[in-house]
Amino acid sequence: METNRYKEYKVIHIVEGGCGTIFLGSSGLPLKKIEAELNLHASEGWQMVFQVIESKRFWLFWTREAAIITLGR
């Protein structure tokens, strides 16, 4: 089993829109924004190492999702 060893890491946090969460109950993660961010970082030599989706309370009644992506190079 080969393990990749990276010399540096970067964590990016991309959050679901707040207006869609309030008015629609849930709007989903912005896939175009995630894709643009990953393409931008990939052009700088970064590779995605790990990703987690978190769901947390937004204001009082709603929950909002966010993608936490760890990049390494």
N, C-alpha and C. Protein backbone atom coordinates (compact mmCIF):
# COMPACT_ATOMS: atom_id res chain seq x y z
N MET A 1 0.85 -1.18 0.00
CA MET A 1 0.00 0.00 0.00
C MET A 1 0.89 1.23 0.00
N GLU A 2 0.66 2.09 -0.97
CA GLU A 2 1.47 3.29 -1.10
C GLU A 2 0.78 4.46 -0.40
N THR A 3 1.54 5.19 0.39
CA THR A 3 0.99 6.38 1.05
C THR A 3 1.65 7.61 0.44
N ASN A 4 0.83 8.58 0.12
CA ASN A 4 1.36 9.84 -0.40
C ASN A 4 1.76 10.73 0.76
N ARG A 5 2.91 11.29 0.65
CA ARG A 5 3.37 12.22 1.69
C ARG A 5 3.45 13.60 1.05
N TYR A 6 2.73 14.51 1.62
CA TYR A 6 2.70 15.86 1.10
C TYR A 6 3.53 16.76 2.00
N LYS A 7 4.13 17.77 1.42
CA LYS A 7 4.95 18.70 2.19
C LYS A 7 4.13 19.83 2.79
N GLU A 8 3.00 20.14 2.16
CA GLU A 8 2.13 21.18 2.70
C GLU A 8 0.68 20.85 2.41
N TYR A 9 -0.20 21.37 3.25
CA TYR A 9 -1.63 21.13 3.13
C TYR A 9 -2.36 22.45 3.12
N LYS A 10 -3.55 22.41 2.55
CA LYS A 10 -4.43 23.58 2.52
C LYS A 10 -5.85 23.06 2.72
N VAL A 11 -6.64 23.77 3.53
CA VAL A 11 -8.02 23.38 3.77
C VAL A 11 -8.92 24.48 3.22
N ILE A 12 -9.89 24.08 2.39
CA ILE A 12 -10.86 25.05 1.89
C ILE A 12 -12.24 24.66 2.41
N HIS A 13 -13.06 25.68 2.66
CA HIS A 13 -14.38 25.51 3.27
C HIS A 13 -15.38 26.18 2.34
N ILE A 14 -16.30 25.39 1.78
CA ILE A 14 -17.31 25.92 0.86
C ILE A 14 -18.68 25.63 1.45
N VAL A 15 -19.48 26.70 1.62
CA VAL A 15 -20.74 26.61 2.35
C VAL A 15 -21.93 26.76 1.42
N GLU A 16 -23.00 26.06 1.74
CA GLU A 16 -24.28 26.18 1.05
C GLU A 16 -24.80 27.61 1.23
N GLY A 17 -25.52 28.12 0.25
CA GLY A 17 -26.05 29.48 0.31
C GLY A 17 -27.06 29.68 1.42
N GLY A 18 -27.01 30.82 2.08
CA GLY A 18 -27.91 31.10 3.20
C GLY A 18 -29.33 31.43 2.78
N CYS A 19 -29.50 32.16 1.68
CA CYS A 19 -30.86 32.52 1.23
C CYS A 19 -31.65 31.30 0.81
N GLY A 20 -31.01 30.39 0.09
CA GLY A 20 -31.69 29.16 -0.31
C GLY A 20 -32.07 28.31 0.89
N THR A 21 -31.24 28.34 1.91
CA THR A 21 -31.53 27.57 3.12
C THR A 21 -32.76 28.14 3.81
N ILE A 22 -32.85 29.46 3.89
CA ILE A 22 -33.98 30.10 4.58
C ILE A 22 -35.27 29.95 3.79
N PHE A 23 -35.23 30.27 2.49
CA PHE A 23 -36.45 30.30 1.70
C PHE A 23 -36.88 28.94 1.16
N LEU A 24 -35.93 28.05 0.88
CA LEU A 24 -36.27 26.75 0.30
C LEU A 24 -36.11 25.59 1.28
N GLY A 25 -35.53 25.86 2.44
CA GLY A 25 -35.29 24.81 3.41
C GLY A 25 -33.94 24.15 3.22
N SER A 26 -33.48 24.10 1.98
CA SER A 26 -32.18 23.54 1.66
C SER A 26 -31.89 23.89 0.21
N SER A 27 -30.68 24.34 -0.07
CA SER A 27 -30.36 24.71 -1.45
C SER A 27 -29.27 23.84 -2.05
N GLY A 28 -28.61 23.03 -1.27
CA GLY A 28 -27.55 22.17 -1.78
C GLY A 28 -26.23 22.91 -1.90
N LEU A 29 -25.17 22.14 -1.97
CA LEU A 29 -23.84 22.72 -2.10
C LEU A 29 -23.67 23.30 -3.50
N PRO A 30 -22.96 24.41 -3.63
CA PRO A 30 -22.75 25.02 -4.94
C PRO A 30 -21.69 24.26 -5.75
N LEU A 31 -22.14 23.31 -6.56
CA LEU A 31 -21.22 22.42 -7.27
C LEU A 31 -20.31 23.17 -8.24
N LYS A 32 -20.84 24.19 -8.91
CA LYS A 32 -20.01 24.96 -9.84
C LYS A 32 -18.88 25.67 -9.09
N LYS A 33 -19.18 26.19 -7.89
CA LYS A 33 -18.16 26.87 -7.09
C LYS A 33 -17.11 25.87 -6.61
N ILE A 34 -17.55 24.68 -6.19
CA ILE A 34 -16.60 23.65 -5.75
C ILE A 34 -15.70 23.26 -6.91
N GLU A 35 -16.30 23.06 -8.08
CA GLU A 35 -15.52 22.68 -9.27
C GLU A 35 -14.51 23.76 -9.64
N ALA A 36 -14.94 25.02 -9.60
CA ALA A 36 -14.04 26.13 -9.93
C ALA A 36 -12.88 26.22 -8.94
N GLU A 37 -13.18 26.06 -7.65
CA GLU A 37 -12.14 26.11 -6.62
C GLU A 37 -11.13 24.98 -6.80
N LEU A 38 -11.63 23.76 -7.05
CA LEU A 38 -10.74 22.62 -7.22
C LEU A 38 -9.88 22.78 -8.47
N ASN A 39 -10.47 23.27 -9.56
CA ASN A 39 -9.70 23.49 -10.79
C ASN A 39 -8.63 24.56 -10.59
N LEU A 40 -8.96 25.61 -9.86
CA LEU A 40 -7.99 26.68 -9.58
C LEU A 40 -6.81 26.14 -8.79
N HIS A 41 -7.09 25.38 -7.75
CA HIS A 41 -6.02 24.84 -6.91
C HIS A 41 -5.24 23.74 -7.63
N ALA A 42 -5.92 22.96 -8.47
CA ALA A 42 -5.23 21.92 -9.24
C ALA A 42 -4.23 22.54 -10.22
N SER A 43 -4.57 23.69 -10.77
CA SER A 43 -3.64 24.36 -11.69
C SER A 43 -2.40 24.87 -10.96
N GLU A 44 -2.48 25.00 -9.63
CA GLU A 44 -1.34 25.42 -8.82
C GLU A 44 -0.59 24.22 -8.24
N GLY A 45 -1.01 23.00 -8.62
CA GLY A 45 -0.30 21.80 -8.18
C GLY A 45 -0.90 21.10 -6.97
N TRP A 46 -2.05 21.53 -6.49
CA TRP A 46 -2.69 20.92 -5.32
C TRP A 46 -3.49 19.69 -5.75
N GLN A 47 -3.57 18.70 -4.88
CA GLN A 47 -4.39 17.51 -5.08
C GLN A 47 -5.33 17.35 -3.90
N MET A 48 -6.54 16.87 -4.17
CA MET A 48 -7.48 16.65 -3.08
C MET A 48 -7.05 15.40 -2.30
N VAL A 49 -6.91 15.55 -0.99
CA VAL A 49 -6.49 14.47 -0.11
C VAL A 49 -7.70 13.88 0.62
N PHE A 50 -8.60 14.75 1.08
CA PHE A 50 -9.71 14.30 1.91
C PHE A 50 -10.85 15.30 1.79
N GLN A 51 -12.07 14.80 1.91
CA GLN A 51 -13.24 15.68 1.87
C GLN A 51 -14.26 15.18 2.88
N VAL A 52 -14.90 16.11 3.55
CA VAL A 52 -15.97 15.76 4.49
C VAL A 52 -17.09 16.79 4.31
N ILE A 53 -18.33 16.31 4.44
CA ILE A 53 -19.49 17.19 4.37
C ILE A 53 -20.01 17.35 5.79
N GLU A 54 -20.08 18.59 6.24
CA GLU A 54 -20.61 18.84 7.59
C GLU A 54 -21.99 19.46 7.47
N SER A 55 -22.81 19.17 8.43
CA SER A 55 -24.14 19.73 8.52
C SER A 55 -24.27 20.38 9.89
N LYS A 56 -24.53 21.67 9.90
CA LYS A 56 -24.62 22.35 11.19
C LYS A 56 -25.82 23.29 11.21
N ARG A 57 -26.19 23.67 12.41
CA ARG A 57 -27.35 24.54 12.59
C ARG A 57 -27.07 25.92 12.00
N PHE A 58 -28.09 26.44 11.31
CA PHE A 58 -28.03 27.78 10.72
C PHE A 58 -29.14 28.60 11.35
N TRP A 59 -28.77 29.62 12.03
CA TRP A 59 -29.67 30.43 12.82
C TRP A 59 -30.41 29.56 13.82
N LEU A 60 -31.73 29.52 13.80
CA LEU A 60 -32.43 28.78 14.84
C LEU A 60 -33.09 27.50 14.32
N PHE A 61 -33.69 27.57 13.14
CA PHE A 61 -34.53 26.46 12.67
C PHE A 61 -33.91 25.62 11.55
N TRP A 62 -32.92 26.15 10.85
CA TRP A 62 -32.42 25.50 9.65
C TRP A 62 -31.07 24.83 9.88
N THR A 63 -30.73 23.90 8.99
CA THR A 63 -29.39 23.33 8.98
C THR A 63 -28.77 23.64 7.62
N ARG A 64 -27.48 23.77 7.61
CA ARG A 64 -26.77 24.17 6.40
C ARG A 64 -25.56 23.25 6.22
N GLU A 65 -25.32 22.83 4.97
CA GLU A 65 -24.20 21.95 4.69
C GLU A 65 -23.00 22.75 4.22
N ALA A 66 -21.83 22.18 4.47
CA ALA A 66 -20.58 22.78 4.01
C ALA A 66 -19.62 21.65 3.65
N ALA A 67 -18.80 21.89 2.64
CA ALA A 67 -17.77 20.93 2.25
C ALA A 67 -16.44 21.44 2.79
N ILE A 68 -15.75 20.58 3.52
CA ILE A 68 -14.40 20.90 4.00
C ILE A 68 -13.47 19.99 3.22
N ILE A 69 -12.63 20.60 2.40
CA ILE A 69 -11.75 19.86 1.48
C ILE A 69 -10.31 20.12 1.86
N THR A 70 -9.56 19.04 2.06
CA THR A 70 -8.14 19.14 2.36
C THR A 70 -7.35 18.85 1.09
N LEU A 71 -6.44 19.78 0.76
CA LEU A 71 -5.60 19.66 -0.42
C LEU A 71 -4.15 19.47 0.02
N GLY A 72 -3.37 18.79 -0.78
CA GLY A 72 -1.95 18.60 -0.45
C GLY A 72 -1.10 18.69 -1.70
N ARG A 73 0.16 19.08 -1.48
CA ARG A 73 1.14 19.07 -2.57
C ARG A 73 2.52 18.90 -2.02
